[in-house]
All heavy atoms as atom14 arrays in JSON, in Angstrom:
{
  "sequence": "ESGGGLVQPGGSLRLSCVVSGRSFSIYPMGWYRQGPGQQREWVAT",
  "atom14_mask": [
    [1, 1, 1, 1, 1, 1, 1, 1, 1, 0, 0, 0, 0, 0],
    [1, 1, 1, 1, 1, 1, 0, 0, 0, 0, 0, 0, 0, 0],
    [1, 1, 1, 1, 0, 0, 0, 0, 0, 0, 0, 0, 0, 0],
    [1, 1, 1, 1, 0, 0, 0, 0, 0, 0, 0, 0, 0, 0],
    [1, 1, 1, 1, 0, 0, 0, 0, 0, 0, 0, 0, 0, 0],
    [1, 1, 1, 1, 1, 1, 1, 1, 0, 0, 0, 0, 0, 0],
    [1, 1, 1, 1, 1, 1, 1, 0, 0, 0, 0, 0, 0, 0],
    [1, 1, 1, 1, 1, 1, 1, 1, 1, 0, 0, 0, 0, 0],
    [1, 1, 1, 1, 1, 1, 1, 0, 0, 0, 0, 0, 0, 0],
    [1, 1, 1, 1, 0, 0, 0, 0, 0, 0, 0, 0, 0, 0],
    [1, 1, 1, 1, 0, 0, 0, 0, 0, 0, 0, 0, 0, 0],
    [1, 1, 1, 1, 1, 1, 0, 0, 0, 0, 0, 0, 0, 0],
    [1, 1, 1, 1, 1, 1, 1, 1, 0, 0, 0, 0, 0, 0],
    [1, 1, 1, 1, 1, 1, 1, 1, 1, 1, 1, 0, 0, 0],
    [1, 1, 1, 1, 1, 1, 1, 1, 0, 0, 0, 0, 0, 0],
    [1, 1, 1, 1, 1, 1, 0, 0, 0, 0, 0, 0, 0, 0],
    [1, 1, 1, 1, 1, 1, 0, 0, 0, 0, 0, 0, 0, 0],
    [1, 1, 1, 1, 1, 1, 1, 0, 0, 0, 0, 0, 0, 0],
    [1, 1, 1, 1, 1, 1, 1, 0, 0, 0, 0, 0, 0, 0],
    [1, 1, 1, 1, 1, 1, 0, 0, 0, 0, 0, 0, 0, 0],
    [1, 1, 1, 1, 0, 0, 0, 0, 0, 0, 0, 0, 0, 0],
    [1, 1, 1, 1, 1, 1, 1, 1, 1, 1, 1, 0, 0, 0],
    [1, 1, 1, 1, 1, 1, 0, 0, 0, 0, 0, 0, 0, 0],
    [1, 1, 1, 1, 1, 1, 1, 1, 1, 1, 1, 0, 0, 0],
    [1, 1, 1, 1, 1, 1, 0, 0, 0, 0, 0, 0, 0, 0],
    [1, 1, 1, 1, 1, 1, 1, 1, 0, 0, 0, 0, 0, 0],
    [1, 1, 1, 1, 1, 1, 1, 1, 1, 1, 1, 1, 0, 0],
    [1, 1, 1, 1, 1, 1, 1, 0, 0, 0, 0, 0, 0, 0],
    [1, 1, 1, 1, 1, 1, 1, 1, 0, 0, 0, 0, 0, 0],
    [1, 1, 1, 1, 0, 0, 0, 0, 0, 0, 0, 0, 0, 0],
    [1, 1, 1, 1, 1, 1, 1, 1, 1, 1, 1, 1, 1, 1],
    [1, 1, 1, 1, 1, 1, 1, 1, 1, 1, 1, 1, 0, 0],
    [1, 1, 1, 1, 1, 1, 1, 1, 1, 1, 1, 0, 0, 0],
    [1, 1, 1, 1, 1, 1, 1, 1, 1, 0, 0, 0, 0, 0],
    [1, 1, 1, 1, 0, 0, 0, 0, 0, 0, 0, 0, 0, 0],
    [1, 1, 1, 1, 1, 1, 1, 0, 0, 0, 0, 0, 0, 0],
    [1, 1, 1, 1, 0, 0, 0, 0, 0, 0, 0, 0, 0, 0],
    [1, 1, 1, 1, 1, 1, 1, 1, 1, 0, 0, 0, 0, 0],
    [1, 1, 1, 1, 1, 1, 1, 1, 1, 0, 0, 0, 0, 0],
    [1, 1, 1, 1, 1, 1, 1, 1, 1, 1, 1, 0, 0, 0],
    [1, 1, 1, 1, 1, 1, 1, 1, 1, 0, 0, 0, 0, 0],
    [1, 1, 1, 1, 1, 1, 1, 1, 1, 1, 1, 1, 1, 1],
    [1, 1, 1, 1, 1, 1, 1, 0, 0, 0, 0, 0, 0, 0],
    [1, 1, 1, 1, 1, 0, 0, 0, 0, 0, 0, 0, 0, 0],
    [1, 1, 1, 1, 1, 1, 1, 0, 0, 0, 0, 0, 0, 0]
  ],
  "atom14_positions": [
    [[87.56, -27.4, -29.92], [86.53, -26.61, -30.58], [86.96, -25.29, -31.11], [87.77, -24.6, -30.21], [85.28, -26.68, -29.77], [84.82, -28.03, -29.35], [85.23, -28.44, -27.89], [86.36, -27.89, -27.51], [84.53, -29.24, -27.27], [0.0, 0.0, 0.0], [0.0, 0.0, 0.0], [0.0, 0.0, 0.0], [0.0, 0.0, 0.0], [0.0, 0.0, 0.0]],
    [[86.27, -24.83, -32.04], [86.53, -23.38, -32.55], [85.28, -22.92, -33.28], [84.42, -23.85, -33.63], [87.76, -23.17, -33.29], [87.65, -23.92, -34.47], [0.0, 0.0, 0.0], [0.0, 0.0, 0.0], [0.0, 0.0, 0.0], [0.0, 0.0, 0.0], [0.0, 0.0, 0.0], [0.0, 0.0, 0.0], [0.0, 0.0, 0.0], [0.0, 0.0, 0.0]],
    [[85.12, -21.6, -33.46], [84.16, -21.17, -34.35], [83.02, -20.42, -33.65], [82.15, -19.88, -34.06], [0.0, 0.0, 0.0], [0.0, 0.0, 0.0], [0.0, 0.0, 0.0], [0.0, 0.0, 0.0], [0.0, 0.0, 0.0], [0.0, 0.0, 0.0], [0.0, 0.0, 0.0], [0.0, 0.0, 0.0], [0.0, 0.0, 0.0], [0.0, 0.0, 0.0]],
    [[83.03, -20.37, -32.23], [82.05, -19.72, -31.52], [82.17, -18.17, -31.62], [83.19, -17.74, -32.16], [0.0, 0.0, 0.0], [0.0, 0.0, 0.0], [0.0, 0.0, 0.0], [0.0, 0.0, 0.0], [0.0, 0.0, 0.0], [0.0, 0.0, 0.0], [0.0, 0.0, 0.0], [0.0, 0.0, 0.0], [0.0, 0.0, 0.0], [0.0, 0.0, 0.0]],
    [[81.33, -17.51, -31.06], [81.22, -16.07, -31.13], [79.83, -15.48, -30.88], [78.9, -16.17, -30.48], [0.0, 0.0, 0.0], [0.0, 0.0, 0.0], [0.0, 0.0, 0.0], [0.0, 0.0, 0.0], [0.0, 0.0, 0.0], [0.0, 0.0, 0.0], [0.0, 0.0, 0.0], [0.0, 0.0, 0.0], [0.0, 0.0, 0.0], [0.0, 0.0, 0.0]],
    [[79.78, -14.15, -31.17], [78.41, -13.49, -30.99], [77.84, -13.35, -32.35], [78.46, -12.97, -33.28], [78.79, -12.11, -30.42], [77.59, -11.08, -30.33], [76.46, -11.65, -29.27], [78.06, -9.74, -29.85], [0.0, 0.0, 0.0], [0.0, 0.0, 0.0], [0.0, 0.0, 0.0], [0.0, 0.0, 0.0], [0.0, 0.0, 0.0], [0.0, 0.0, 0.0]],
    [[76.59, -13.7, -32.44], [75.76, -13.67, -33.7], [74.41, -13.13, -33.27], [73.79, -13.31, -32.24], [75.84, -14.97, -34.32], [75.1, -16.06, -33.5], [75.12, -14.87, -35.75], [0.0, 0.0, 0.0], [0.0, 0.0, 0.0], [0.0, 0.0, 0.0], [0.0, 0.0, 0.0], [0.0, 0.0, 0.0], [0.0, 0.0, 0.0], [0.0, 0.0, 0.0]],
    [[73.8, -12.44, -34.26], [72.5, -11.92, -34.07], [71.41, -13.06, -34.37], [71.81, -13.9, -35.05], [72.19, -10.73, -35.1], [72.98, -9.49, -34.74], [72.53, -8.35, -35.58], [71.92, -8.47, -36.66], [72.89, -7.17, -35.21], [0.0, 0.0, 0.0], [0.0, 0.0, 0.0], [0.0, 0.0, 0.0], [0.0, 0.0, 0.0], [0.0, 0.0, 0.0]],
    [[70.21, -12.92, -33.83], [69.2, -13.82, -34.08], [68.96, -14.0, -35.6], [68.88, -12.99, -36.29], [67.96, -13.28, -33.42], [68.48, -12.59, -32.22], [69.84, -11.99, -32.77], [0.0, 0.0, 0.0], [0.0, 0.0, 0.0], [0.0, 0.0, 0.0], [0.0, 0.0, 0.0], [0.0, 0.0, 0.0], [0.0, 0.0, 0.0], [0.0, 0.0, 0.0]],
    [[68.93, -15.24, -35.98], [68.62, -15.45, -37.42], [70.0, -15.73, -38.21], [69.9, -16.08, -39.41], [0.0, 0.0, 0.0], [0.0, 0.0, 0.0], [0.0, 0.0, 0.0], [0.0, 0.0, 0.0], [0.0, 0.0, 0.0], [0.0, 0.0, 0.0], [0.0, 0.0, 0.0], [0.0, 0.0, 0.0], [0.0, 0.0, 0.0], [0.0, 0.0, 0.0]],
    [[71.07, -15.43, -37.53], [72.31, -15.69, -38.18], [72.85, -17.13, -38.18], [72.07, -18.04, -37.71], [0.0, 0.0, 0.0], [0.0, 0.0, 0.0], [0.0, 0.0, 0.0], [0.0, 0.0, 0.0], [0.0, 0.0, 0.0], [0.0, 0.0, 0.0], [0.0, 0.0, 0.0], [0.0, 0.0, 0.0], [0.0, 0.0, 0.0], [0.0, 0.0, 0.0]],
    [[74.07, -17.2, -38.59], [74.61, -18.67, -38.77], [76.11, -18.51, -38.2], [76.82, -17.53, -38.3], [74.78, -18.93, -40.25], [73.47, -19.0, -40.8], [0.0, 0.0, 0.0], [0.0, 0.0, 0.0], [0.0, 0.0, 0.0], [0.0, 0.0, 0.0], [0.0, 0.0, 0.0], [0.0, 0.0, 0.0], [0.0, 0.0, 0.0], [0.0, 0.0, 0.0]],
    [[76.49, -19.76, -37.83], [77.83, -19.95, -37.42], [78.26, -21.4, -37.73], [77.34, -22.26, -37.82], [78.12, -19.86, -35.88], [78.18, -18.49, -35.2], [78.16, -18.61, -33.68], [79.32, -17.76, -35.7], [0.0, 0.0, 0.0], [0.0, 0.0, 0.0], [0.0, 0.0, 0.0], [0.0, 0.0, 0.0], [0.0, 0.0, 0.0], [0.0, 0.0, 0.0]],
    [[79.57, -21.6, -37.97], [79.98, -23.03, -38.14], [80.97, -23.41, -37.03], [82.01, -22.78, -37.02], [80.49, -23.36, -39.5], [80.83, -24.74, -39.8], [81.23, -25.04, -41.17], [82.74, -24.7, -41.45], [83.41, -25.37, -42.3], [82.98, -26.29, -43.03], [84.73, -25.16, -42.57], [0.0, 0.0, 0.0], [0.0, 0.0, 0.0], [0.0, 0.0, 0.0]],
    [[80.72, -24.27, -36.27], [81.69, -24.78, -35.3], [82.56, -25.88, -35.87], [82.05, -26.76, -36.69], [80.89, -25.28, -34.11], [79.94, -24.39, -33.36], [79.48, -25.0, -32.1], [80.63, -23.04, -33.13], [0.0, 0.0, 0.0], [0.0, 0.0, 0.0], [0.0, 0.0, 0.0], [0.0, 0.0, 0.0], [0.0, 0.0, 0.0], [0.0, 0.0, 0.0]],
    [[83.76, -26.01, -35.54], [84.75, -27.05, -35.85], [85.29, -27.7, -34.6], [85.46, -27.14, -33.55], [85.77, -26.5, -36.76], [85.45, -25.96, -37.83], [0.0, 0.0, 0.0], [0.0, 0.0, 0.0], [0.0, 0.0, 0.0], [0.0, 0.0, 0.0], [0.0, 0.0, 0.0], [0.0, 0.0, 0.0], [0.0, 0.0, 0.0], [0.0, 0.0, 0.0]],
    [[85.56, -28.95, -34.8], [86.33, -29.66, -33.62], [87.33, -30.59, -34.18], [86.9, -31.52, -35.02], [85.33, -30.47, -32.85], [86.0, -31.55, -31.58], [0.0, 0.0, 0.0], [0.0, 0.0, 0.0], [0.0, 0.0, 0.0], [0.0, 0.0, 0.0], [0.0, 0.0, 0.0], [0.0, 0.0, 0.0], [0.0, 0.0, 0.0], [0.0, 0.0, 0.0]],
    [[88.53, -30.18, -33.95], [89.72, -31.08, -34.49], [90.09, -32.03, -33.39], [90.29, -31.69, -32.15], [90.86, -30.04, -34.72], [92.07, -31.06, -35.27], [90.43, -29.07, -35.9], [0.0, 0.0, 0.0], [0.0, 0.0, 0.0], [0.0, 0.0, 0.0], [0.0, 0.0, 0.0], [0.0, 0.0, 0.0], [0.0, 0.0, 0.0], [0.0, 0.0, 0.0]],
    [[90.29, -33.37, -33.75], [90.61, -34.42, -32.88], [91.97, -34.99, -33.16], [92.32, -35.39, -34.19], [89.49, -35.59, -33.0], [89.79, -36.57, -31.87], [88.11, -35.0, -32.8], [0.0, 0.0, 0.0], [0.0, 0.0, 0.0], [0.0, 0.0, 0.0], [0.0, 0.0, 0.0], [0.0, 0.0, 0.0], [0.0, 0.0, 0.0], [0.0, 0.0, 0.0]],
    [[92.78, -34.98, -32.13], [94.15, -35.55, -32.25], [93.98, -37.05, -32.23], [93.04, -37.64, -31.79], [95.01, -35.06, -31.22], [94.71, -35.56, -29.99], [0.0, 0.0, 0.0], [0.0, 0.0, 0.0], [0.0, 0.0, 0.0], [0.0, 0.0, 0.0], [0.0, 0.0, 0.0], [0.0, 0.0, 0.0], [0.0, 0.0, 0.0], [0.0, 0.0, 0.0]],
    [[95.1, -37.75, -32.55], [95.17, -39.12, -32.37], [94.65, -39.96, -33.61], [94.46, -39.3, -34.67], [0.0, 0.0, 0.0], [0.0, 0.0, 0.0], [0.0, 0.0, 0.0], [0.0, 0.0, 0.0], [0.0, 0.0, 0.0], [0.0, 0.0, 0.0], [0.0, 0.0, 0.0], [0.0, 0.0, 0.0], [0.0, 0.0, 0.0], [0.0, 0.0, 0.0]],
    [[94.77, -41.19, -33.55], [94.55, -42.04, -34.69], [93.05, -42.68, -34.72], [92.28, -42.46, -33.81], [95.44, -43.21, -34.66], [96.93, -42.91, -34.94], [97.83, -44.04, -34.88], [97.98, -44.49, -33.51], [98.9, -45.54, -33.22], [99.46, -46.16, -34.17], [99.23, -45.89, -31.99], [0.0, 0.0, 0.0], [0.0, 0.0, 0.0], [0.0, 0.0, 0.0]],
    [[92.74, -43.09, -35.82], [91.45, -43.87, -36.01], [90.2, -42.9, -35.85], [89.21, -43.41, -35.43], [91.38, -45.03, -35.08], [92.45, -45.83, -35.27], [0.0, 0.0, 0.0], [0.0, 0.0, 0.0], [0.0, 0.0, 0.0], [0.0, 0.0, 0.0], [0.0, 0.0, 0.0], [0.0, 0.0, 0.0], [0.0, 0.0, 0.0], [0.0, 0.0, 0.0]],
    [[90.31, -41.66, -36.22], [89.17, -40.74, -35.97], [87.98, -41.31, -36.68], [86.82, -41.19, -36.19], [89.51, -39.42, -36.61], [88.42, -38.49, -36.81], [87.96, -37.76, -35.59], [87.76, -38.26, -37.94], [86.87, -36.82, -35.78], [86.68, -37.35, -38.08], [86.25, -36.6, -36.94], [0.0, 0.0, 0.0], [0.0, 0.0, 0.0], [0.0, 0.0, 0.0]],
    [[88.2, -41.99, -37.84], [87.01, -42.28, -38.68], [86.16, -43.35, -38.12], [84.93, -43.49, -38.48], [87.4, -42.73, -40.12], [88.32, -43.93, -39.95], [0.0, 0.0, 0.0], [0.0, 0.0, 0.0], [0.0, 0.0, 0.0], [0.0, 0.0, 0.0], [0.0, 0.0, 0.0], [0.0, 0.0, 0.0], [0.0, 0.0, 0.0], [0.0, 0.0, 0.0]],
    [[86.71, -44.16, -37.16], [86.01, -45.28, -36.61], [84.96, -44.83, -35.54], [84.16, -45.69, -35.0], [86.71, -46.45, -36.14], [87.51, -46.04, -34.76], [87.79, -46.88, -37.2], [88.27, -47.15, -34.24], [0.0, 0.0, 0.0], [0.0, 0.0, 0.0], [0.0, 0.0, 0.0], [0.0, 0.0, 0.0], [0.0, 0.0, 0.0], [0.0, 0.0, 0.0]],
    [[85.14, -43.59, -35.01], [84.43, -43.12, -33.82], [83.13, -42.42, -34.25], [83.12, -41.53, -35.16], [85.18, -42.25, -32.93], [86.33, -42.99, -32.14], [87.54, -43.11, -32.78], [86.04, -43.48, -30.88], [88.58, -43.76, -32.02], [86.94, -44.18, -30.26], [88.28, -44.31, -30.7], [89.24, -44.94, -30.12], [0.0, 0.0, 0.0], [0.0, 0.0, 0.0]],
    [[82.05, -42.62, -33.53], [80.84, -41.68, -33.58], [81.31, -40.26, -32.91], [82.11, -40.34, -31.97], [79.74, -42.27, -32.8], [80.48, -43.22, -31.74], [81.77, -43.64, -32.51], [0.0, 0.0, 0.0], [0.0, 0.0, 0.0], [0.0, 0.0, 0.0], [0.0, 0.0, 0.0], [0.0, 0.0, 0.0], [0.0, 0.0, 0.0], [0.0, 0.0, 0.0]],
    [[80.82, -39.19, -33.48], [81.1, -37.89, -32.95], [79.86, -37.21, -32.61], [78.94, -37.32, -33.26], [81.97, -37.11, -33.96], [83.41, -37.71, -34.28], [84.44, -37.64, -32.79], [84.52, -36.05, -32.39], [0.0, 0.0, 0.0], [0.0, 0.0, 0.0], [0.0, 0.0, 0.0], [0.0, 0.0, 0.0], [0.0, 0.0, 0.0], [0.0, 0.0, 0.0]],
    [[79.91, -36.37, -31.52], [78.71, -35.73, -31.12], [79.0, -34.26, -30.68], [80.05, -33.95, -30.28], [0.0, 0.0, 0.0], [0.0, 0.0, 0.0], [0.0, 0.0, 0.0], [0.0, 0.0, 0.0], [0.0, 0.0, 0.0], [0.0, 0.0, 0.0], [0.0, 0.0, 0.0], [0.0, 0.0, 0.0], [0.0, 0.0, 0.0], [0.0, 0.0, 0.0]],
    [[77.89, -33.49, -30.76], [77.92, -32.08, -30.26], [76.94, -32.01, -29.06], [75.82, -32.56, -29.23], [77.62, -31.03, -31.29], [78.69, -30.85, -32.25], [78.81, -31.31, -33.58], [79.74, -29.97, -32.07], [79.99, -30.97, -34.13], [80.64, -29.99, -33.26], [80.25, -29.05, -31.16], [81.79, -29.19, -33.48], [81.35, -28.33, -31.2], [82.13, -28.44, -32.48]],
    [[77.3, -31.29, -28.03], [76.5, -31.12, -26.94], [76.53, -29.67, -26.55], [77.51, -28.92, -27.09], [76.97, -31.93, -25.66], [76.81, -33.43, -25.82], [77.51, -34.12, -26.64], [75.77, -34.06, -25.07], [77.24, -35.54, -26.79], [75.5, -35.36, -25.19], [76.36, -36.09, -25.99], [76.07, -37.51, -26.13], [0.0, 0.0, 0.0], [0.0, 0.0, 0.0]],
    [[75.65, -29.19, -25.71], [75.73, -27.74, -25.36], [75.22, -27.54, -23.91], [74.49, -28.39, -23.36], [75.03, -26.87, -26.25], [73.47, -27.08, -26.21], [72.77, -26.22, -27.24], [71.26, -26.44, -27.26], [70.47, -25.86, -28.17], [70.97, -25.21, -29.22], [69.21, -26.06, -28.09], [0.0, 0.0, 0.0], [0.0, 0.0, 0.0], [0.0, 0.0, 0.0]],
    [[75.77, -26.54, -23.26], [75.29, -26.2, -21.92], [75.06, -24.8, -21.86], [75.92, -23.89, -21.95], [76.41, -26.55, -20.79], [75.91, -26.48, -19.45], [76.77, -27.14, -18.39], [77.84, -27.54, -18.83], [76.3, -27.34, -17.22], [0.0, 0.0, 0.0], [0.0, 0.0, 0.0], [0.0, 0.0, 0.0], [0.0, 0.0, 0.0], [0.0, 0.0, 0.0]],
    [[73.76, -24.33, -21.68], [73.35, -22.99, -21.57], [73.45, -22.49, -20.16], [73.71, -23.26, -19.23], [0.0, 0.0, 0.0], [0.0, 0.0, 0.0], [0.0, 0.0, 0.0], [0.0, 0.0, 0.0], [0.0, 0.0, 0.0], [0.0, 0.0, 0.0], [0.0, 0.0, 0.0], [0.0, 0.0, 0.0], [0.0, 0.0, 0.0], [0.0, 0.0, 0.0]],
    [[73.35, -21.29, -19.99], [73.52, -20.58, -18.59], [72.58, -21.2, -17.7], [71.38, -21.21, -17.84], [73.14, -19.21, -18.88], [73.46, -18.85, -20.37], [73.13, -20.19, -20.95], [0.0, 0.0, 0.0], [0.0, 0.0, 0.0], [0.0, 0.0, 0.0], [0.0, 0.0, 0.0], [0.0, 0.0, 0.0], [0.0, 0.0, 0.0], [0.0, 0.0, 0.0]],
    [[73.09, -21.68, -16.58], [72.2, -22.24, -15.53], [71.59, -23.67, -15.9], [70.61, -24.07, -15.27], [0.0, 0.0, 0.0], [0.0, 0.0, 0.0], [0.0, 0.0, 0.0], [0.0, 0.0, 0.0], [0.0, 0.0, 0.0], [0.0, 0.0, 0.0], [0.0, 0.0, 0.0], [0.0, 0.0, 0.0], [0.0, 0.0, 0.0], [0.0, 0.0, 0.0]],
    [[71.98, -24.26, -16.9], [71.36, -25.48, -17.46], [72.4, -26.62, -17.44], [73.52, -26.42, -17.38], [70.83, -25.21, -18.88], [69.85, -24.12, -19.0], [69.25, -23.89, -20.46], [69.65, -24.63, -21.35], [68.44, -22.89, -20.57], [0.0, 0.0, 0.0], [0.0, 0.0, 0.0], [0.0, 0.0, 0.0], [0.0, 0.0, 0.0], [0.0, 0.0, 0.0]],
    [[71.67, -27.75, -17.48], [72.54, -28.91, -17.6], [72.94, -29.18, -19.05], [72.41, -28.72, -20.14], [71.75, -30.25, -17.18], [71.45, -30.24, -15.8], [70.89, -31.5, -15.2], [70.19, -32.25, -16.09], [71.26, -31.98, -14.02], [0.0, 0.0, 0.0], [0.0, 0.0, 0.0], [0.0, 0.0, 0.0], [0.0, 0.0, 0.0], [0.0, 0.0, 0.0]],
    [[74.12, -29.97, -19.3], [74.66, -30.14, -20.63], [73.57, -31.06, -21.36], [72.99, -32.02, -20.79], [76.05, -30.91, -20.5], [76.62, -30.97, -21.96], [78.12, -31.62, -21.85], [78.86, -30.69, -21.01], [80.23, -30.94, -20.84], [80.89, -31.92, -21.53], [80.87, -30.05, -20.1], [0.0, 0.0, 0.0], [0.0, 0.0, 0.0], [0.0, 0.0, 0.0]],
    [[73.36, -30.71, -22.52], [72.27, -31.47, -23.37], [72.93, -31.82, -24.78], [73.68, -31.17, -25.36], [71.09, -30.67, -23.53], [71.16, -29.38, -24.43], [69.87, -28.67, -24.71], [68.88, -29.25, -24.31], [69.89, -27.67, -25.48], [0.0, 0.0, 0.0], [0.0, 0.0, 0.0], [0.0, 0.0, 0.0], [0.0, 0.0, 0.0], [0.0, 0.0, 0.0]],
    [[72.39, -32.98, -25.26], [72.89, -33.54, -26.43], [72.22, -32.73, -27.54], [71.07, -32.23, -27.54], [72.4, -34.97, -26.68], [72.55, -35.5, -28.02], [73.7, -35.81, -28.66], [71.5, -35.83, -28.85], [73.39, -36.28, -29.89], [72.0, -36.33, -30.04], [70.11, -35.76, -28.84], [71.26, -36.79, -31.08], [69.35, -36.18, -29.91], [69.91, -36.65, -31.05]],
    [[73.09, -32.33, -28.69], [72.63, -31.63, -29.82], [72.51, -32.47, -31.08], [71.6, -32.5, -31.72], [73.55, -30.41, -30.06], [73.18, -29.7, -31.38], [73.53, -29.52, -28.86], [0.0, 0.0, 0.0], [0.0, 0.0, 0.0], [0.0, 0.0, 0.0], [0.0, 0.0, 0.0], [0.0, 0.0, 0.0], [0.0, 0.0, 0.0], [0.0, 0.0, 0.0]],
    [[73.64, -33.17, -31.43], [73.7, -33.92, -32.61], [74.74, -35.05, -32.55], [75.73, -34.87, -31.89], [73.83, -32.98, -33.81], [0.0, 0.0, 0.0], [0.0, 0.0, 0.0], [0.0, 0.0, 0.0], [0.0, 0.0, 0.0], [0.0, 0.0, 0.0], [0.0, 0.0, 0.0], [0.0, 0.0, 0.0], [0.0, 0.0, 0.0], [0.0, 0.0, 0.0]],
    [[74.51, -35.95, -33.36], [75.52, -37.1, -33.49], [75.69, -37.51, -34.92], [74.79, -37.44, -35.67], [75.04, -38.38, -32.68], [74.84, -37.93, -31.36], [76.07, -39.5, -32.82], [0.0, 0.0, 0.0], [0.0, 0.0, 0.0], [0.0, 0.0, 0.0], [0.0, 0.0, 0.0], [0.0, 0.0, 0.0], [0.0, 0.0, 0.0], [0.0, 0.0, 0.0]]
  ]
}
């Protein structure tokens, strides 16, 4: 993953995730997040 950083409220960021290996296109891909003191949660698929 890449693209994280510090941003002000109301701002934008674009995260990227490069995957090695073959057959990338056949897999579902998801984003998850884990905030401070929190459990990991699903964001998008």
